C-alpha atoms as a PDB file:
ATOM      1  CA  MET A   1     118.020  97.077 104.338  1.00  0.00           C
ATOM      2  CA  GLN A   2     114.323  97.473 105.110  1.00  0.00           C
ATOM      3  CA  PRO A   3     113.689 100.558 102.889  1.00  0.00           C
ATOM      4  CA  TRP A   4     115.278  98.737  99.924  1.00  0.00           C
ATOM      5  CA  ILE A   5     112.647  96.044 100.352  1.00  0.00           C
ATOM      6  CA  THR A   6     109.743  98.296 101.309  1.00  0.00           C
ATOM      7  CA  ILE A   7     110.059 100.509  98.216  1.00  0.00           C
ATOM      8  CA  LEU A   8     109.604  97.416  96.037  1.00  0.00           C
ATOM      9  CA  ARG A   9     106.173  96.824  97.653  1.00  0.00           C
ATOM     10  CA  PRO A  10     106.665  93.125  98.504  1.00  0.00           C
ATOM     11  CA  LEU A  11     102.939  92.391  98.730  1.00  0.00           C
ATOM     12  CA  ASN A  12     102.442  93.610  95.155  1.00  0.00           C
ATOM     13  CA  LEU A  13     105.381  91.483  94.000  1.00  0.00           C
ATOM     14  CA  LEU A  14     104.010  88.446  95.837  1.00  0.00           C
ATOM     15  CA  GLN A  15     100.685  88.943  94.071  1.00  0.00           C
ATOM     16  CA  ALA A  16     102.477  89.250  90.726  1.00  0.00           C
ATOM     17  CA  THR A  17     104.368  86.021  91.463  1.00  0.00           C
ATOM     18  CA  LEU A  18     101.159  84.188  92.354  1.00  0.00           C
ATOM     19  CA  ALA A  19      99.561  85.472  89.154  1.00  0.00           C
ATOM     20  CA  VAL A  20     102.467  84.095  87.104  1.00  0.00           C
ATOM     21  CA  VAL A  21     102.314  80.690  88.826  1.00  0.00           C
ATOM     22  CA  LEU A  22      98.520  80.431  88.522  1.00  0.00           C
ATOM     23  CA  THR A  23      98.577  81.482  84.881  1.00  0.00           C
ATOM     24  CA  THR A  24     101.313  78.939  84.156  1.00  0.00           C
ATOM     25  CA  ALA A  25      99.219  76.276  85.904  1.00  0.00           C
ATOM     26  CA  PHE A  26      96.199  77.371  83.872  1.00  0.00           C
ATOM     27  CA  LEU A  27      98.231  76.805  80.703  1.00  0.00           C
ATOM     28  CA  GLY A  28      99.367  73.396  81.958  1.00  0.00           C
ATOM     29  CA  GLU A  29     103.042  74.348  81.834  1.00  0.00           C
ATOM     30  CA  LEU A  30     104.163  73.971  85.464  1.00  0.00           C
ATOM     31  CA  GLY A  31     106.579  71.278  84.311  1.00  0.00           C
ATOM     32  CA  GLN A  32     108.718  73.885  82.534  1.00  0.00           C
ATOM     33  CA  LEU A  33     110.391  75.057  85.745  1.00  0.00           C
ATOM     34  CA  ASP A  34     113.227  76.894  83.993  1.00  0.00           C
ATOM     35  CA  VAL A  35     110.810  79.091  82.035  1.00  0.00           C
ATOM     36  CA  LEU A  36     108.621  79.590  85.101  1.00  0.00           C
ATOM     37  CA  LEU A  37     111.598  80.764  87.165  1.00  0.00           C
ATOM     38  CA  LEU A  38     112.645  83.233  84.455  1.00  0.00           C
ATOM     39  CA  LEU A  39     109.063  84.509  84.260  1.00  0.00           C
ATOM     40  CA  ILE A  40     108.814  85.022  88.012  1.00  0.00           C
ATOM     41  CA  LEU A  41     112.158  86.823  88.281  1.00  0.00           C
ATOM     42  CA  SER A  42     111.535  89.032  85.247  1.00  0.00           C
ATOM     43  CA  VAL A  43     108.028  89.968  86.407  1.00  0.00           C
ATOM     44  CA  ILE A  44     109.320  90.741  89.909  1.00  0.00           C
ATOM     45  CA  THR A  45     112.179  92.957  88.707  1.00  0.00           C
ATOM     46  CA  ILE A  46     110.145  94.837  86.087  1.00  0.00           C
ATOM     47  CA  ASN A  47     107.298  95.424  88.531  1.00  0.00           C
ATOM     48  CA  ALA A  48     109.796  96.450  91.194  1.00  0.00           C
ATOM     49  CA  GLY A  49     111.267  99.034  88.819  1.00  0.00           C
ATOM     50  CA  GLY A  50     107.785 100.300  88.051  1.00  0.00           C
ATOM     51  CA  ASN A  51     107.008 100.661  91.758  1.00  0.00           C
ATOM     52  CA  ILE A  52     110.233 102.572  92.376  1.00  0.00           C
ATOM     53  CA  ILE A  53     109.763 105.038  89.517  1.00  0.00           C
ATOM     54  CA  ASN A  54     106.185 105.547  90.640  1.00  0.00           C
ATOM     55  CA  ASP A  55     107.417 106.483  94.131  1.00  0.00           C
ATOM     56  CA  ILE A  56     109.966 108.898  92.654  1.00  0.00           C
ATOM     57  CA  TYR A  57     107.339 110.810  90.688  1.00  0.00           C
ATOM     58  CA  ASP A  58     104.835 110.583  93.571  1.00  0.00           C
ATOM     59  CA  LEU A  59     107.221 111.960  96.187  1.00  0.00           C
ATOM     60  CA  GLU A  60     105.269 115.148  96.904  1.00  0.00           C
ATOM     61  CA  ILE A  61     101.900 113.370  96.901  1.00  0.00           C
ATOM     62  CA  ASP A  62     103.238 110.659  99.217  1.00  0.00           C
ATOM     63  CA  ARG A  63     104.420 113.274 101.719  1.00  0.00           C
ATOM     64  CA  ILE A  64     100.678 113.682 102.370  1.00  0.00           C
ATOM     65  CA  ASN A  65      99.097 110.331 101.453  1.00  0.00           C
ATOM     66  CA  ARG A  66     101.860 107.895 102.492  1.00  0.00           C
ATOM     67  CA  PRO A  67     104.555 109.735 104.501  1.00  0.00           C
ATOM     68  CA  ALA A  68     106.043 106.521 105.928  1.00  0.00           C
ATOM     69  CA  ARG A  69     107.318 105.293 102.551  1.00  0.00           C
ATOM     70  CA  PRO A  70     111.114 105.277 102.066  1.00  0.00           C
ATOM     71  CA  LEU A  71     111.380 108.402  99.886  1.00  0.00           C
ATOM     72  CA  PRO A  72     109.036 110.824 101.695  1.00  0.00           C
ATOM     73  CA  SER A  73     110.365 109.640 105.076  1.00  0.00           C
ATOM     74  CA  GLY A  74     113.925 110.408 103.942  1.00  0.00           C
ATOM     75  CA  VAL A  75     115.441 106.988 104.630  1.00  0.00           C
ATOM     76  CA  MET A  76     116.272 106.602 100.913  1.00  0.00           C
ATOM     77  CA  SER A  77     117.436 109.324  98.535  1.00  0.00           C
ATOM     78  CA  VAL A  78     115.999 109.908  95.070  1.00  0.00           C
ATOM     79  CA  ALA A  79     119.449 109.212  93.571  1.00  0.00           C
ATOM     80  CA  GLN A  80     119.560 105.821  95.274  1.00  0.00           C
ATOM     81  CA  ALA A  81     116.045 105.053  94.059  1.00  0.00           C
ATOM     82  CA  ARG A  82     116.959 105.929  90.461  1.00  0.00           C
ATOM     83  CA  PHE A  83     119.958 103.574  90.513  1.00  0.00           C
ATOM     84  CA  TYR A  84     117.757 100.881  92.016  1.00  0.00           C
ATOM     85  CA  LEU A  85     115.069 101.174  89.323  1.00  0.00           C
ATOM     86  CA  ILE A  86     117.637 101.079  86.485  1.00  0.00           C
ATOM     87  CA  PHE A  87     119.119  97.933  88.008  1.00  0.00           C
ATOM     88  CA  ASN A  88     115.721  96.229  88.277  1.00  0.00           C
ATOM     89  CA  PHE A  89     114.594  97.202  84.774  1.00  0.00           C
ATOM     90  CA  SER A  90     117.895  96.012  83.293  1.00  0.00           C
ATOM     91  CA  VAL A  91     117.721  92.638  85.023  1.00  0.00           C
ATOM     92  CA  GLY A  92     114.100  92.191  83.949  1.00  0.00           C
ATOM     93  CA  VAL A  93     114.859  92.852  80.280  1.00  0.00           C
ATOM     94  CA  VAL A  94     117.891  90.550  80.255  1.00  0.00           C
ATOM     95  CA  LEU A  95     115.855  87.756  81.814  1.00  0.00           C
ATOM     96  CA  SER A  96     113.045  88.226  79.283  1.00  0.00           C
ATOM     97  CA  TRP A  97     115.571  87.720  76.465  1.00  0.00           C
ATOM     98  CA  PHE A  98     116.149  84.163  77.685  1.00  0.00           C
ATOM     99  CA  ILE A  99     112.402  83.416  77.670  1.00  0.00           C
ATOM    100  CA  SER A 100     111.382  84.212  74.095  1.00  0.00           C
ATOM    101  CA  MET A 101     111.540  86.996  71.521  1.00  0.00           C
ATOM    102  CA  GLU A 102     107.865  87.781  72.165  1.00  0.00           C
ATOM    103  CA  ALA A 103     108.531  88.073  75.900  1.00  0.00           C
ATOM    104  CA  PHE A 104     111.528  90.339  75.238  1.00  0.00           C
ATOM    105  CA  ILE A 105     109.417  92.643  73.045  1.00  0.00           C
ATOM    106  CA  ILE A 106     106.635  92.820  75.639  1.00  0.00           C
ATOM    107  CA  ALA A 107     109.082  93.489  78.490  1.00  0.00           C
ATOM    108  CA  GLY A 108     111.591  95.817  76.856  1.00  0.00           C
ATOM    109  CA  LEU A 109     109.607  97.598  74.159  1.00  0.00           C
ATOM    110  CA  ILE A 110     106.129  97.769  75.685  1.00  0.00           C
ATOM    111  CA  SER A 111     106.075  97.253  79.462  1.00  0.00           C
ATOM    112  CA  ILE A 112     109.016  99.365  80.631  1.00  0.00           C
ATOM    113  CA  PRO A 113     108.354 102.371  78.336  1.00  0.00           C
ATOM    114  CA  THR A 114     104.698 102.262  79.376  1.00  0.00           C
ATOM    115  CA  LEU A 115     105.605 102.144  83.086  1.00  0.00           C
ATOM    116  CA  VAL A 116     107.918 105.153  82.662  1.00  0.00           C
ATOM    117  CA  ALA A 117     105.338 107.093  80.638  1.00  0.00           C
ATOM    118  CA  TYR A 118     102.670 106.290  83.199  1.00  0.00           C
ATOM    119  CA  SER A 119     104.643 107.689  86.142  1.00  0.00           C
ATOM    120  CA  ALA A 120     105.964 110.684  84.202  1.00  0.00           C
ATOM    121  CA  CYS A 121     102.833 111.724  82.271  1.00  0.00           C
ATOM    122  CA  PHE A 122      99.773 109.502  82.230  1.00  0.00           C
ATOM    123  CA  LYS A 123      99.182 109.057  85.961  1.00  0.00           C
ATOM    124  CA  ARG A 124      98.079 112.636  86.470  1.00  0.00           C
ATOM    125  CA  GLN A 125      95.713 112.645  83.507  1.00  0.00           C
ATOM    126  CA  PRO A 126      92.037 111.785  83.995  1.00  0.00           C
ATOM    127  CA  LEU A 127      91.208 108.226  82.948  1.00  0.00           C
ATOM    128  CA  ILE A 128      94.353 107.793  80.795  1.00  0.00           C
ATOM    129  CA  GLY A 129      96.368 106.814  83.849  1.00  0.00           C
ATOM    130  CA  ASN A 130      93.691 104.396  85.016  1.00  0.00           C
ATOM    131  CA  LEU A 131      93.517 102.770  81.591  1.00  0.00           C
ATOM    132  CA  THR A 132      97.310 102.460  81.459  1.00  0.00           C
ATOM    133  CA  VAL A 133      97.529 100.572  84.755  1.00  0.00           C
ATOM    134  CA  SER A 134      94.675  98.298  83.684  1.00  0.00           C
ATOM    135  CA  PHE A 135      96.391  97.637  80.362  1.00  0.00           C
ATOM    136  CA  MET A 136      99.626  96.730  82.141  1.00  0.00           C
ATOM    137  CA  LEU A 137      97.970  94.193  84.392  1.00  0.00           C
ATOM    138  CA  GLY A 138      96.187  92.574  81.478  1.00  0.00           C
ATOM    139  CA  LEU A 139      99.474  92.524  79.567  1.00  0.00           C
ATOM    140  CA  ALA A 140     101.097  90.551  82.400  1.00  0.00           C
ATOM    141  CA  PHE A 141      98.906  87.535  81.593  1.00  0.00           C
ATOM    142  CA  ILE A 142      99.694  87.846  77.897  1.00  0.00           C
ATOM    143  CA  TYR A 143     103.388  87.985  78.854  1.00  0.00           C
ATOM    144  CA  VAL A 144     103.091  84.578  80.519  1.00  0.00           C
ATOM    145  CA  GLY A 145     101.217  83.250  77.490  1.00  0.00           C
ATOM    146  CA  SER A 146     104.003  84.490  75.213  1.00  0.00           C
ATOM    147  CA  ALA A 147     106.555  82.467  77.162  1.00  0.00           C
ATOM    148  CA  PHE A 148     104.748  79.252  76.285  1.00  0.00           C
ATOM    149  CA  GLY A 149     103.619  80.190  72.785  1.00  0.00           C
ATOM    150  CA  ASN A 150      99.966  80.350  73.839  1.00  0.00           C
ATOM    151  CA  ILE A 151      98.883  83.974  74.021  1.00  0.00           C
ATOM    152  CA  GLN A 152      95.351  83.193  72.845  1.00  0.00           C
ATOM    153  CA  ALA A 153      94.564  81.178  75.995  1.00  0.00           C
ATOM    154  CA  THR A 154      95.341  84.192  78.195  1.00  0.00           C
ATOM    155  CA  LEU A 155      93.154  86.755  76.410  1.00  0.00           C
ATOM    156  CA  VAL A 156      90.061  86.198  78.575  1.00  0.00           C
ATOM    157  CA  MET A 157      92.217  86.436  81.692  1.00  0.00           C
ATOM    158  CA  ALA A 158      93.738  89.659  80.417  1.00  0.00           C
ATOM    159  CA  ALA A 159      90.316  91.148  79.655  1.00  0.00           C
ATOM    160  CA  LEU A 160      88.901  90.315  83.088  1.00  0.00           C
ATOM    161  CA  ALA A 161      92.022  91.664  84.797  1.00  0.00           C
ATOM    162  CA  PHE A 162      91.759  94.869  82.749  1.00  0.00           C
ATOM    163  CA  GLY A 163      88.155  95.490  83.809  1.00  0.00           C
ATOM    164  CA  PHE A 164      88.711  94.656  87.460  1.00  0.00           C
ATOM    165  CA  THR A 165      91.815  96.837  87.664  1.00  0.00           C
ATOM    166  CA  LEU A 166      90.143  99.795  85.952  1.00  0.00           C
ATOM    167  CA  ILE A 167      87.485  99.854  88.672  1.00  0.00           C
ATOM    168  CA  ARG A 168      90.114  99.561  91.405  1.00  0.00           C
ATOM    169  CA  GLU A 169      92.272 102.346  89.999  1.00  0.00           C
ATOM    170  CA  ILE A 170      89.383 104.810  89.885  1.00  0.00           C
ATOM    171  CA  VAL A 171      88.420 103.885  93.451  1.00  0.00           C
ATOM    172  CA  LYS A 172      92.047 104.467  94.456  1.00  0.00           C
ATOM    173  CA  ASP A 173      91.855 107.950  92.924  1.00  0.00           C
ATOM    174  CA  LEU A 174      88.843 108.620  95.119  1.00  0.00           C
ATOM    175  CA  GLU A 175      90.834 107.468  98.140  1.00  0.00           C
ATOM    176  CA  ASP A 176      93.811 109.698  97.248  1.00  0.00           C
ATOM    177  CA  MET A 177      91.924 112.904  96.429  1.00  0.00           C
ATOM    178  CA  GLU A 178      93.539 114.980  99.190  1.00  0.00           C
ATOM    179  CA  GLY A 179      97.133 114.292  98.238  1.00  0.00           C
ATOM    180  CA  ASP A 180      96.418 114.458  94.511  1.00  0.00           C
ATOM    181  CA  ALA A 181      94.835 117.893  94.954  1.00  0.00           C
ATOM    182  CA  GLN A 182      97.968 119.147  96.734  1.00  0.00           C
ATOM    183  CA  ASP A 183     100.087 117.964  93.794  1.00  0.00           C
ATOM    184  CA  LYS A 184      97.627 119.445  91.270  1.00  0.00           C
ATOM    185  CA  ALA A 185      97.077 116.065  89.654  1.00  0.00           C
ATOM    186  CA  ARG A 186      94.205 115.841  87.169  1.00  0.00           C
ATOM    187  CA  THR A 187      92.614 112.600  88.302  1.00  0.00           C
ATOM    188  CA  LEU A 188      88.955 111.866  87.596  1.00  0.00           C
ATOM    189  CA  PRO A 189      87.632 112.885  91.042  1.00  0.00           C
ATOM    190  CA  LEU A 190      89.455 116.220  90.816  1.00  0.00           C
ATOM    191  CA  VAL A 191      88.288 116.912  87.253  1.00  0.00           C
ATOM    192  CA  TRP A 192      84.766 115.478  87.344  1.00  0.00           C
ATOM    193  CA  GLY A 193      84.065 115.731  91.049  1.00  0.00           C
ATOM    194  CA  GLU A 194      83.632 112.967  93.612  1.00  0.00           C
ATOM    195  CA  SER A 195      79.944 112.260  92.965  1.00  0.00           C
ATOM    196  CA  LYS A 196      80.288 111.849  89.191  1.00  0.00           C
ATOM    197  CA  THR A 197      83.388 109.671  89.580  1.00  0.00           C
ATOM    198  CA  LEU A 198      81.611 107.496  92.121  1.00  0.00           C
ATOM    199  CA  ALA A 199      78.679 107.152  89.722  1.00  0.00           C
ATOM    200  CA  LEU A 200      81.114 105.941  87.050  1.00  0.00           C
ATOM    201  CA  VAL A 201      82.588 103.386  89.483  1.00  0.00           C
ATOM    202  CA  LEU A 202      79.130 102.035  90.314  1.00  0.00           C
ATOM    203  CA  LEU A 203      78.267 101.869  86.605  1.00  0.00           C
ATOM    204  CA  LEU A 204      81.487  99.980  85.812  1.00  0.00           C
ATOM    205  CA  MET A 205      80.828  97.570  88.668  1.00  0.00           C
ATOM    206  CA  GLY A 206      77.364  96.872  87.251  1.00  0.00           C
ATOM    207  CA  ILE A 207      78.770  96.318  83.757  1.00  0.00           C
ATOM    208  CA  PHE A 208      81.488  94.027  85.083  1.00  0.00           C
ATOM    209  CA  VAL A 209      78.979  91.928  87.034  1.00  0.00           C
ATOM    210  CA  GLY A 210      77.069  91.422  83.789  1.00  0.00           C
ATOM    211  CA  LEU A 211      80.019  90.732  81.513  1.00  0.00           C
ATOM    212  CA  ASP A 212      82.097  88.405  83.693  1.00  0.00           C
ATOM    213  CA  THR A 213      79.478  85.647  83.338  1.00  0.00           C
ATOM    214  CA  LEU A 214      79.614  85.746  79.528  1.00  0.00           C
ATOM    215  CA  PRO A 215      82.472  83.215  79.211  1.00  0.00           C
ATOM    216  CA  PHE A 216      80.168  80.631  80.817  1.00  0.00           C
ATOM    217  CA  PHE A 217      77.213  81.365  78.548  1.00  0.00           C
ATOM    218  CA  LEU A 218      79.499  81.337  75.512  1.00  0.00           C
ATOM    219  CA  GLY A 219      80.704  77.869  76.499  1.00  0.00           C
ATOM    220  CA  VAL A 220      84.300  78.934  77.158  1.00  0.00           C
ATOM    221  CA  TYR A 221      84.175  77.926  80.849  1.00  0.00           C
ATOM    222  CA  ASN A 222      81.996  75.491  82.805  1.00  0.00           C
ATOM    223  CA  HIS A 223      79.529  75.840  85.691  1.00  0.00           C
ATOM    224  CA  VAL A 224      82.345  75.840  88.276  1.00  0.00           C
ATOM    225  CA  TYR A 225      83.554  79.110  86.761  1.00  0.00           C
ATOM    226  CA  LEU A 226      80.046  80.546  86.956  1.00  0.00           C
ATOM    227  CA  TRP A 227      79.554  79.726  90.638  1.00  0.00           C
ATOM    228  CA  ILE A 228      82.986  80.980  91.708  1.00  0.00           C
ATOM    229  CA  VAL A 229      82.366  84.231  89.846  1.00  0.00           C
ATOM    230  CA  ILE A 230      78.893  84.721  91.309  1.00  0.00           C
ATOM    231  CA  VAL A 231      79.814  83.889  94.915  1.00  0.00           C
ATOM    232  CA  GLY A 232      83.408  85.085  95.028  1.00  0.00           C
ATOM    233  CA  ILE A 233      83.281  88.173  92.821  1.00  0.00           C
ATOM    234  CA  ASN A 234      79.830  89.434  91.888  1.00  0.00           C
ATOM    235  CA  LEU A 235      78.062  89.228  95.245  1.00  0.00           C
ATOM    236  CA  PRO A 236      80.937  90.902  97.163  1.00  0.00           C
ATOM    237  CA  LEU A 237      81.194  93.502  94.382  1.00  0.00           C
ATOM    238  CA  LEU A 238      77.508  94.349  94.719  1.00  0.00           C
ATOM    239  CA  VAL A 239      77.886  94.653  98.495  1.00  0.00           C
ATOM    240  CA  ILE A 240      80.832  97.013  98.046  1.00  0.00           C
ATOM    241  CA  ALA A 241      78.884  99.048  95.495  1.00  0.00           C
ATOM    242  CA  PHE A 242      76.032  99.429  98.000  1.00  0.00           C
ATOM    243  CA  ILE A 243      78.414 100.494 100.786  1.00  0.00           C
ATOM    244  CA  LEU A 244      80.111 103.097  98.560  1.00  0.00           C
ATOM    245  CA  TRP A 245      76.724 104.399  97.437  1.00  0.00           C
ATOM    246  CA  LYS A 246      75.513 104.768 101.037  1.00  0.00           C
ATOM    247  CA  GLN A 247      78.779 105.886 102.675  1.00  0.00           C
ATOM    248  CA  PRO A 248      81.276 107.357 100.197  1.00  0.00           C
ATOM    249  CA  ASN A 249      84.286 108.178 102.355  1.00  0.00           C
ATOM    250  CA  LYS A 250      88.057 107.601 102.334  1.00  0.00           C
ATOM    251  CA  LYS A 251      87.870 104.638 104.710  1.00  0.00           C
ATOM    252  CA  ASN A 252      85.403 102.775 102.509  1.00  0.00           C
ATOM    253  CA  TYR A 253      87.322 103.703  99.349  1.00  0.00           C
ATOM    254  CA  SER A 254      90.428 102.158 100.935  1.00  0.00           C
ATOM    255  CA  ARG A 255      88.555  98.970 101.841  1.00  0.00           C
ATOM    256  CA  ALA A 256      87.049  98.715  98.367  1.00  0.00           C
ATOM    257  CA  GLN A 257      90.312  99.094  96.490  1.00  0.00           C
ATOM    258  CA  LEU A 258      92.030  96.544  98.762  1.00  0.00           C
ATOM    259  CA  PHE A 259      89.240  94.047  98.081  1.00  0.00           C
ATOM    260  CA  LEU A 260      89.503  94.664  94.346  1.00  0.00           C
ATOM    261  CA  LYS A 261      93.259  94.186  94.524  1.00  0.00           C
ATOM    262  CA  LEU A 262      92.990  90.822  96.271  1.00  0.00           C
ATOM    263  CA  ASP A 263      89.841  89.452  94.655  1.00  0.00           C
ATOM    264  CA  ILE A 264      91.477  89.190  91.254  1.00  0.00           C
ATOM    265  CA  PHE A 265      92.901  85.897  92.542  1.00  0.00           C
ATOM    266  CA  VAL A 266      89.360  84.587  92.971  1.00  0.00           C
ATOM    267  CA  GLY A 267      88.952  85.375  89.278  1.00  0.00           C
ATOM    268  CA  LEU A 268      92.097  83.396  88.490  1.00  0.00           C
ATOM    269  CA  ALA A 269      90.738  80.466  90.512  1.00  0.00           C
ATOM    270  CA  ALA A 270      87.479  80.661  88.556  1.00  0.00           C
ATOM    271  CA  LEU A 271      89.397  80.502  85.284  1.00  0.00           C
ATOM    272  CA  TYR A 272      91.572  77.605  86.441  1.00  0.00           C
ATOM    273  CA  PHE A 273      88.833  75.418  87.914  1.00  0.00           C
ATOM    274  CA  GLY A 274      86.278  76.393  85.295  1.00  0.00           C
ATOM    275  CA  GLN A 275      88.195  75.083  82.299  1.00  0.00           C
ATOM    276  CA  THR A 276      86.319  72.776  79.964  1.00  0.00           C
ATOM    277  CA  PHE A 277      88.828  69.981  79.383  1.00  0.00           C
END
């Protein structure tokens, strides 16, 4: 039973669930428990399908980078994984139908085709793959907004998530250079070189630190937002940028991308507590 859970990447699904709940709270819709439950289950199943298809296409890379995963370790067959992803995608689309037409369109006509195209084509292309993953995470917030007829309120959240994820995805490519090279993937570090890619990461971090305070200065969010962003996001981001600049190695790349993965919830907290009621 364990490989059937492991391949779904439970931590990622837990983070997706928390994002749905926090976004729903941000919109003031926690009282609509039926819609919230459908959102959580549809997001979990669609993301689970995306994780499975990603592992199928990454099988050879994961034999080097992550050999303990279910497929490269041999505890699950590719045929079993394919059945599993079809099941999860199908459940996710059916659930989205019961949420709203907008949610169904986002889930069935945008999200799933994009997840398939990403694993099959985009992932191994420089920058395109990174942009696709970032787009998908931003779209998740819009998906929640669509369920409650309030997409506009989630646009800032989607934009911040897009920027944060873009940085993380490029750092992850730096971490995975060895396995990607074996699979002849055309990620940024392998096309541009490690030093140029790292320079881009540091530049994007600097841009993000400047732009994420704009919602406060534009009057969209209050001073609570500003302080959470400065203390919880920008200062740690600058520390990470300094560490990567001084010691660019796989261990530090791994630490940086894990921080970026988790710190997005600090951003959600800033948005929630920084609302101007």
